[in-house]
Protein backbone atom coordinates (compact mmCIF):
# COMPACT_ATOMS: atom_id res chain seq x y z
CA MET A 1 21.95 11.98 8.37
CA LYS A 2 19.55 9.03 8.60
CA THR A 3 16.73 9.11 11.11
CA ALA A 4 16.23 5.94 13.11
CA ILE A 5 12.76 4.43 13.16
CA PRO A 6 11.68 3.31 16.65
CA LEU A 7 11.43 -0.48 16.91
CA ALA A 8 7.72 -0.38 17.76
CA THR A 9 7.03 1.65 14.61
CA ALA A 10 9.08 -0.71 12.47
CA LEU A 11 7.24 -3.73 13.89
CA PHE A 12 3.87 -2.03 13.32
CA LEU A 13 4.77 -1.24 9.71
CA ALA A 14 5.99 -4.78 9.09
CA THR A 15 2.87 -6.29 10.67
CA PHE A 16 0.41 -4.10 8.82
CA ALA A 17 2.17 -3.83 5.48
CA PRO A 18 -0.35 -2.53 2.95
CA SER A 19 -2.07 -5.03 0.72
CA TYR A 20 -3.20 -2.30 -1.62
CA ALA A 21 -1.71 -0.30 -4.46
CA SER A 22 1.56 1.50 -3.96
CA ASP A 23 3.56 4.01 -5.93
CA ALA A 24 7.33 3.38 -5.71
CA GLY A 25 6.86 1.79 -2.29
CA ARG A 26 4.62 4.61 -1.02
CA TYR A 27 1.23 3.46 0.28
CA ILE A 28 -1.61 5.02 -1.69
CA GLY A 29 -4.44 2.97 -0.22
CA PRO A 30 -7.41 1.08 -1.59
CA ASP A 31 -8.88 2.09 -4.92
CA PRO A 32 -12.55 3.01 -4.43
CA SER A 33 -12.94 3.53 -8.17
CA ALA A 34 -12.68 -0.27 -8.53
CA PRO A 35 -15.89 -2.34 -8.54
CA GLY A 36 -17.33 -3.28 -5.16
CA TRP A 37 -17.36 0.13 -3.44
CA GLU A 38 -20.42 2.14 -2.40
CA ARG A 39 -20.01 5.92 -2.49
CA ILE A 40 -21.60 7.69 0.47
CA ASP A 41 -22.69 11.32 0.25
CA PRO A 42 -20.10 13.25 2.30
CA GLU A 43 -22.76 15.70 3.49
CA SER A 44 -24.70 12.83 5.09
CA TRP A 45 -21.62 11.65 7.01
CA LYS A 46 -21.44 12.97 10.57
CA PRO A 47 -19.23 14.54 11.58
CA ASN A 48 -18.16 15.85 8.19
CA LYS A 49 -16.17 18.82 9.55
CA ALA A 50 -13.53 18.96 12.26
CA ALA A 51 -10.63 21.05 13.50
CA ASN A 52 -8.16 18.43 12.24
CA PRO A 53 -8.26 15.17 10.25
CA GLY A 54 -7.47 13.12 13.35
CA GLU A 55 -10.88 14.01 14.80
CA LEU A 56 -12.56 12.68 11.66
CA VAL A 57 -10.61 9.41 11.86
CA GLY A 58 -11.42 9.16 15.58
CA ALA A 59 -15.14 9.51 14.85
CA LEU A 60 -14.86 6.79 12.21
CA LEU A 61 -13.14 4.45 14.67
CA ALA A 62 -15.71 5.23 17.38
CA ARG A 63 -18.38 3.63 15.22
CA TYR A 64 -16.66 0.27 15.76
CA MET A 65 -16.06 0.81 19.46
CA GLU A 66 -19.73 1.26 20.40
CA THR A 67 -20.08 -2.36 21.49
CA THR A 68 -17.97 -4.84 23.40
CA GLU A 69 -19.47 -7.78 21.48
CA GLY A 70 -17.52 -9.77 18.95
CA ARG A 71 -13.75 -9.80 18.60
CA PRO A 72 -13.06 -6.89 16.32
CA ASN A 73 -9.77 -6.75 14.47
CA ILE A 74 -9.37 -3.19 13.22
CA LYS A 75 -6.63 -2.02 10.87
CA VAL A 76 -6.19 1.67 10.11
CA HIS A 77 -4.17 3.06 7.21
CA ILE A 78 -3.57 6.81 7.01
CA TRP A 79 -1.74 8.64 4.25
CA ASN A 80 -1.54 11.98 2.42
CA SER A 81 -2.32 12.41 -1.24
CA GLY A 82 -1.61 15.95 -2.39
CA ASN A 83 -3.58 18.24 -0.08
CA GLN A 84 -5.91 15.40 0.92
CA PHE A 85 -5.75 13.37 4.11
CA ARG A 86 -6.96 9.82 3.49
CA SER A 87 -7.76 7.06 5.94
CA ALA A 88 -8.95 3.50 5.45
CA VAL A 89 -10.42 1.46 8.28
CA ASN A 90 -10.67 -2.30 7.70
CA THR A 91 -12.52 -4.44 10.25
CA GLN A 92 -13.06 -8.14 10.82
CA GLY A 93 -14.70 -9.99 13.69
CA ILE A 94 -17.56 -7.56 14.20
CA PRO A 95 -20.64 -8.88 16.04
CA ASP A 96 -22.83 -9.15 12.91
CA ASP A 97 -22.57 -12.80 11.79
CA SER A 98 -23.57 -11.91 8.21
CA ILE A 99 -20.42 -9.81 7.74
CA LEU A 100 -16.87 -11.16 7.55
CA GLY A 101 -15.51 -7.64 7.39
CA ASP A 102 -15.98 -4.15 6.07
CA GLU A 103 -13.85 -1.25 4.97
CA THR A 104 -14.40 2.49 4.87
CA VAL A 105 -12.24 5.06 3.09
CA LEU A 106 -12.59 8.66 4.26
CA VAL A 107 -11.03 11.57 2.33
CA SER A 108 -10.77 15.04 3.86
CA GLU A 109 -9.30 18.34 2.73
CA PRO A 110 -8.38 21.52 4.55
CA THR A 111 -10.93 24.32 4.35
CA GLU A 112 -11.31 27.62 6.07
CA GLY A 113 -11.81 26.82 9.74
CA GLY A 114 -10.75 23.16 9.68
CA TRP A 115 -11.08 19.98 7.64
CA HIS A 116 -14.06 18.82 5.59
CA VAL A 117 -14.93 15.30 4.40
CA THR A 118 -14.96 15.29 0.59
CA GLU A 119 -15.34 11.57 -0.17
CA ILE A 120 -16.54 8.46 1.67
CA TRP A 121 -16.47 4.95 0.24
CA HIS A 122 -17.62 1.71 1.90
CA ARG A 123 -17.65 -1.99 1.07
CA TRP A 124 -18.60 -5.22 2.83
CA ARG A 125 -17.26 -8.77 2.79
CA CYS A 126 -20.23 -11.06 3.34
CA ALA A 127 -20.31 -14.32 5.29
CA ARG A 128 -23.26 -15.73 3.33
CA GLY A 129 -25.28 -15.19 0.19
CA GLU A 130 -24.25 -15.07 -3.45
CA ASN A 131 -21.27 -12.80 -2.70
CA ARG A 132 -19.99 -14.93 0.19
CA GLY A 133 -16.33 -14.18 0.91
CA GLU A 134 -16.14 -11.41 -1.69
CA TRP A 135 -16.07 -7.65 -1.34
CA THR A 136 -19.32 -6.00 -2.44
CA ASN A 137 -20.95 -2.57 -2.50
CA LYS A 138 -24.23 -3.98 -1.18
CA PRO A 139 -25.04 -4.70 2.48
CA CYS A 140 -24.76 -8.38 3.38
CA PRO A 141 -27.89 -10.56 3.56
């Protein structure tokens, strides 16, 4: 028996179709091993532990909701990869005029007592400078 997808879900999926790698039509997210990504020490990321992965994604999104300036356009992609929970947050229209956009990939795994961040990757798309319009692993000038 086929399960019907609610119209709102279908529209959301069609609107935010992944522009990243896929495996047989399954979204597998951005590839932080490609050039242009900065690896962040997971232990320096706060919070790096939570009761569930949704709390970690919520904390990541809260970083972009701290101001009412700008016209942020935020896209969130969430998927499982083995026992890992992965999320990618892509933003544009943030109040910093040197940045066209940025993207963060957060990877978490279940541990005793909750979920723990195991990998964090970040990149910027600069509005000026030698890397203008391109993704880079260096903060924008």
